[in-house]
Protein backbone atom coordinates (compact mmCIF):
# COMPACT_ATOMS: atom_id res chain seq x y z
CA MET A 1 -109.24 56.81 32.26
CA LEU A 2 -109.14 60.25 33.91
CA LYS A 3 -112.52 61.10 32.41
CA LYS A 4 -114.05 57.88 33.89
CA THR A 5 -112.56 58.68 37.29
CA LEU A 6 -113.93 62.25 37.21
CA ILE A 7 -117.40 61.01 36.23
CA THR A 8 -117.36 58.36 38.98
CA PHE A 9 -116.20 60.96 41.53
CA THR A 10 -118.95 63.37 40.43
CA VAL A 11 -121.61 60.65 40.74
CA LEU A 12 -120.36 59.72 44.20
CA LEU A 13 -120.47 63.38 45.31
CA SER A 14 -124.02 63.69 43.99
CA ILE A 15 -125.13 60.58 45.87
CA ALA A 16 -123.43 61.79 49.04
CA GLY A 17 -125.14 65.18 48.69
CA MET A 18 -128.54 63.54 48.24
CA ALA A 19 -127.97 61.33 51.28
CA LYS A 20 -127.17 64.33 53.46
CA ALA A 21 -130.38 66.04 52.40
CA GLN A 22 -132.51 63.09 53.49
CA LYS A 23 -133.86 62.71 57.00
CA TYR A 24 -133.90 59.33 58.68
CA ALA A 25 -135.42 57.97 61.86
CA PHE A 26 -136.01 54.63 63.46
CA ILE A 27 -138.54 52.85 65.63
CA ASP A 28 -138.41 49.76 67.82
CA SER A 29 -141.52 47.76 66.93
CA GLU A 30 -140.91 45.25 69.76
CA TYR A 31 -140.92 48.11 72.26
CA ILE A 32 -144.05 49.60 70.70
CA LEU A 33 -145.89 46.26 70.72
CA SER A 34 -144.88 45.65 74.34
CA LYS A 35 -146.71 48.85 75.32
CA ILE A 36 -149.97 47.97 73.56
CA PRO A 37 -152.29 45.91 75.81
CA GLU A 38 -154.33 44.67 72.83
CA HIS A 39 -151.21 43.10 71.35
CA GLN A 40 -150.33 41.38 74.62
CA ALA A 41 -153.88 40.01 74.91
CA ALA A 42 -153.84 38.83 71.28
CA GLN A 43 -150.47 37.18 71.76
CA GLN A 44 -151.71 35.43 74.90
CA GLN A 45 -154.77 34.19 73.02
CA LEU A 46 -152.55 32.84 70.23
CA ASP A 47 -150.25 31.15 72.75
CA ASN A 48 -153.22 29.49 74.47
CA LEU A 49 -154.60 28.22 71.15
CA SER A 50 -151.19 26.94 70.15
CA VAL A 51 -150.77 25.02 73.41
CA GLN A 52 -154.30 23.59 73.18
CA TRP A 53 -153.80 22.45 69.58
CA GLN A 54 -150.34 21.05 70.31
CA LYS A 55 -151.78 18.93 73.15
CA GLU A 56 -154.50 17.68 70.81
CA ILE A 57 -151.88 16.61 68.24
CA GLU A 58 -149.65 15.03 70.90
CA ALA A 59 -152.65 13.00 72.13
CA LYS A 60 -153.19 11.67 68.60
CA TYR A 61 -149.52 10.68 68.31
CA ALA A 62 -149.68 9.02 71.76
CA GLU A 63 -152.65 6.98 70.55
CA ILE A 64 -150.70 5.99 67.42
CA ASP A 65 -147.72 4.99 69.56
CA LYS A 66 -149.99 2.86 71.75
CA LEU A 67 -151.49 1.17 68.69
CA TYR A 68 -148.03 0.52 67.25
CA LYS A 69 -146.72 -1.00 70.48
CA ALA A 70 -149.78 -3.23 70.75
CA TYR A 71 -149.28 -4.26 67.13
CA GLN A 72 -145.63 -5.12 67.77
CA ALA A 73 -146.54 -7.19 70.83
CA GLU A 74 -149.29 -9.11 68.97
CA GLN A 75 -147.67 -9.25 65.53
CA ILE A 76 -146.46 -12.85 65.87
CA LEU A 77 -149.97 -14.09 66.64
CA LEU A 78 -151.73 -12.21 63.82
CA THR A 79 -152.60 -13.54 60.39
CA GLU A 80 -151.27 -11.68 57.35
CA GLU A 81 -154.70 -10.17 56.75
CA LEU A 82 -154.96 -8.87 60.34
CA LYS A 83 -151.37 -7.54 60.16
CA ARG A 84 -152.21 -5.52 57.03
CA LYS A 85 -155.43 -4.29 58.61
CA ARG A 86 -153.62 -3.09 61.75
CA GLU A 87 -150.76 -1.56 59.74
CA ASN A 88 -153.27 0.32 57.58
CA GLU A 89 -155.08 1.52 60.70
CA ILE A 90 -151.80 2.88 62.12
CA ILE A 91 -150.85 4.48 58.79
CA ASN A 92 -154.28 6.13 58.48
CA LYS A 93 -154.08 7.49 62.03
CA GLU A 94 -150.63 8.92 61.28
CA LYS A 95 -151.99 10.60 58.14
CA GLU A 96 -154.87 12.07 60.15
CA ALA A 97 -152.48 13.39 62.79
CA LYS A 98 -150.20 14.95 60.17
CA GLU A 99 -153.20 16.49 58.39
CA LEU A 100 -154.46 17.95 61.66
CA GLN A 101 -150.99 19.34 62.39
CA LYS A 102 -150.89 20.93 58.93
CA GLN A 103 -154.44 22.26 59.36
CA ARG A 104 -153.55 23.90 62.68
CA PHE A 105 -149.93 24.98 62.20
CA GLY A 106 -149.34 24.90 58.42
CA VAL A 107 -148.52 27.84 56.19
CA ASP A 108 -152.17 28.77 55.75
CA GLY A 109 -153.29 26.97 58.89
CA GLU A 110 -155.68 28.08 61.59
CA LEU A 111 -152.91 29.60 63.75
CA PHE A 112 -151.71 31.72 60.83
CA LYS A 113 -155.26 32.88 60.08
CA LYS A 114 -155.92 33.67 63.74
CA ARG A 115 -152.65 35.63 63.93
CA GLN A 116 -153.71 37.60 60.85
CA GLU A 117 -157.08 38.28 62.44
CA LEU A 118 -155.69 39.42 65.80
CA ILE A 119 -152.26 40.93 65.09
CA LYS A 120 -152.54 42.44 61.59
CA PRO A 121 -154.98 45.23 62.61
CA ILE A 122 -152.53 46.32 65.32
CA GLN A 123 -149.62 46.23 62.87
CA ASP A 124 -151.68 48.25 60.37
CA LYS A 125 -152.34 50.94 63.01
CA ILE A 126 -148.61 51.10 63.78
CA TYR A 127 -147.77 51.36 60.09
CA THR A 128 -150.27 54.18 59.63
CA ALA A 129 -148.88 56.06 62.65
CA VAL A 130 -145.30 55.65 61.38
CA LYS A 131 -146.33 56.84 57.92
CA ASP A 132 -148.14 59.88 59.37
CA ILE A 133 -145.11 60.83 61.48
CA ALA A 134 -142.76 60.33 58.51
CA VAL A 135 -144.90 62.58 56.32
CA LYS A 136 -145.32 65.20 59.05
CA GLU A 137 -141.59 65.31 59.85
CA ASN A 138 -140.51 64.94 56.22
CA LEU A 139 -138.59 61.71 56.87
CA ALA A 140 -137.23 59.83 53.87
CA VAL A 141 -136.79 56.51 55.67
CA VAL A 142 -137.91 55.03 58.98
CA PHE A 143 -136.01 51.90 60.01
CA ASP A 144 -137.24 49.28 62.45
CA LYS A 145 -134.54 48.62 65.02
CA ALA A 146 -136.28 45.36 66.08
CA GLY A 147 -136.23 43.84 62.61
CA SER A 148 -133.48 41.91 60.91
CA LEU A 149 -131.78 45.16 59.95
CA SER A 150 -128.57 45.50 61.94
CA MET A 151 -127.95 48.93 63.45
CA MET A 152 -124.59 49.34 65.12
CA TYR A 153 -125.49 52.65 66.74
CA THR A 154 -128.70 54.63 67.06
CA ASN A 155 -128.97 58.14 68.38
CA PRO A 156 -132.02 58.27 70.68
CA LYS A 157 -133.03 61.68 69.32
CA PHE A 158 -134.03 59.97 66.05
CA ASP A 159 -136.09 57.25 67.81
CA LYS A 160 -139.74 57.81 66.92
CA SER A 161 -141.09 54.83 68.91
CA ASP A 162 -142.67 57.01 71.61
CA ALA A 163 -144.16 59.32 68.98
CA VAL A 164 -145.79 56.28 67.35
CA LEU A 165 -147.18 55.13 70.71
CA GLU A 166 -148.58 58.61 71.40
CA ALA A 167 -150.08 58.75 67.89
CA LEU A 168 -151.82 55.45 68.69
CA GLY A 169 -153.15 56.89 71.95
CA TYR A 170 -150.83 55.04 74.37
CA LYS A 171 -148.48 56.39 76.99
CA SER A 172 -144.79 56.13 76.30
CA SER A 173 -142.00 55.58 78.82
CA LYS A 174 -141.00 59.23 78.72
């Protein structure tokens, strides 16, 4: 039992010693992106496309709603054959609207592809700048304060956000 405890204690001391030898820093990617005009323009373009496409989809659903209300009002007067025809028309329009929504906003939809086209090159530049700074300053880990990682306290002297901005050719707040 004592031998196990000594081994565990030795391992913990080794890990603690390794952790002290490492250098860490953090960035705030939201702050960095807010200072890059290209990102703001790309985001505005994506927002405009999203609004335009959403209106297009809403118009299709409004048309479906109009068809359905007309069908309900006339349903009593229609033959079984005409009822089925109108129901099928409404169902087909709903399928078209859902397909358009998936095409625009789905996992591999047009909005996703446009975001990849506009935002990914900016993110790649940021990643490269962070990597260059980490290599230059011999940093073991660079955290992103804006991500889902929770940081209870950050010492501003380890914030490399402005260094990333400068490496990208933008002015920082300092």
